[in-house]
């Protein structure tokens, strides 16, 4: 199994279409990710399956490679709309704030203004306890016997996870990003994490005095298990995503 993967999939009208960055989850196969790619019709898609890295160091290095590819896309295709979407799946969603942080204080910071929407499916823990719970579940269920063994070592990485939650996670609240948050109450990986995220977003808007309804925040709750929402509710999932794209592109 590769440590990480970055692959680009152009659509038919590559030079005039928007770009999606899709964060896969640990152990996600191309067959699984194809199902998510298929519902982003009319988008060029850059798929990033992040490394199993609880220090977050390698993830940050890989994320910079992704950002360079995004930058190159817009340089090569000047007629493409200045529109960028991000979707994170499971643990992949947890790495989205770290990805956003990599734009800061860099020549690529201009790309932050291109982000029209962020979709978080079954992930993004906002505190250390949720992150450790999620990582352990991901190891145990997504990468086989090795993961069953590795899960017992996850608490050893607590200082790195605390630092990430303290310094990287707050980046998700900045810049008034639009969100589609997909979750369920029966999620055993990140139980309650999505609700905490939604509360933090609302709290942030209240604290900074954001204008009401300026940020688009759609939340969709299913009765399916972790990362099985598209599989069990394909029509509703696709409709929610299509509506979100329509709303954010016209906002």
Foldseek 3Di string as FASTA:
>chain_A
DDQKDKDKAAAPPRLAAAEEEEEEEVQDDPVNVVLVVVLPPRHTYIYIDHGLDLLCPRVLVVLVVVLVVVVVSCVVRVNYQLAYEYEAAQVSLQCVLSSLVSLPPDPSVVSVVRYLAYEYAQDHALALVLNLLLSLVCLPPRPPPVSPVCNVCSVVSSVSSRVCSVPRSCSVLPPLHAYEYEEECQERNRHPRSVVVVVVNVVSCVVVVPDPPPHHYHYHYDHDYGRCCCVVPVPVVSVSVVVSVVVSVVD
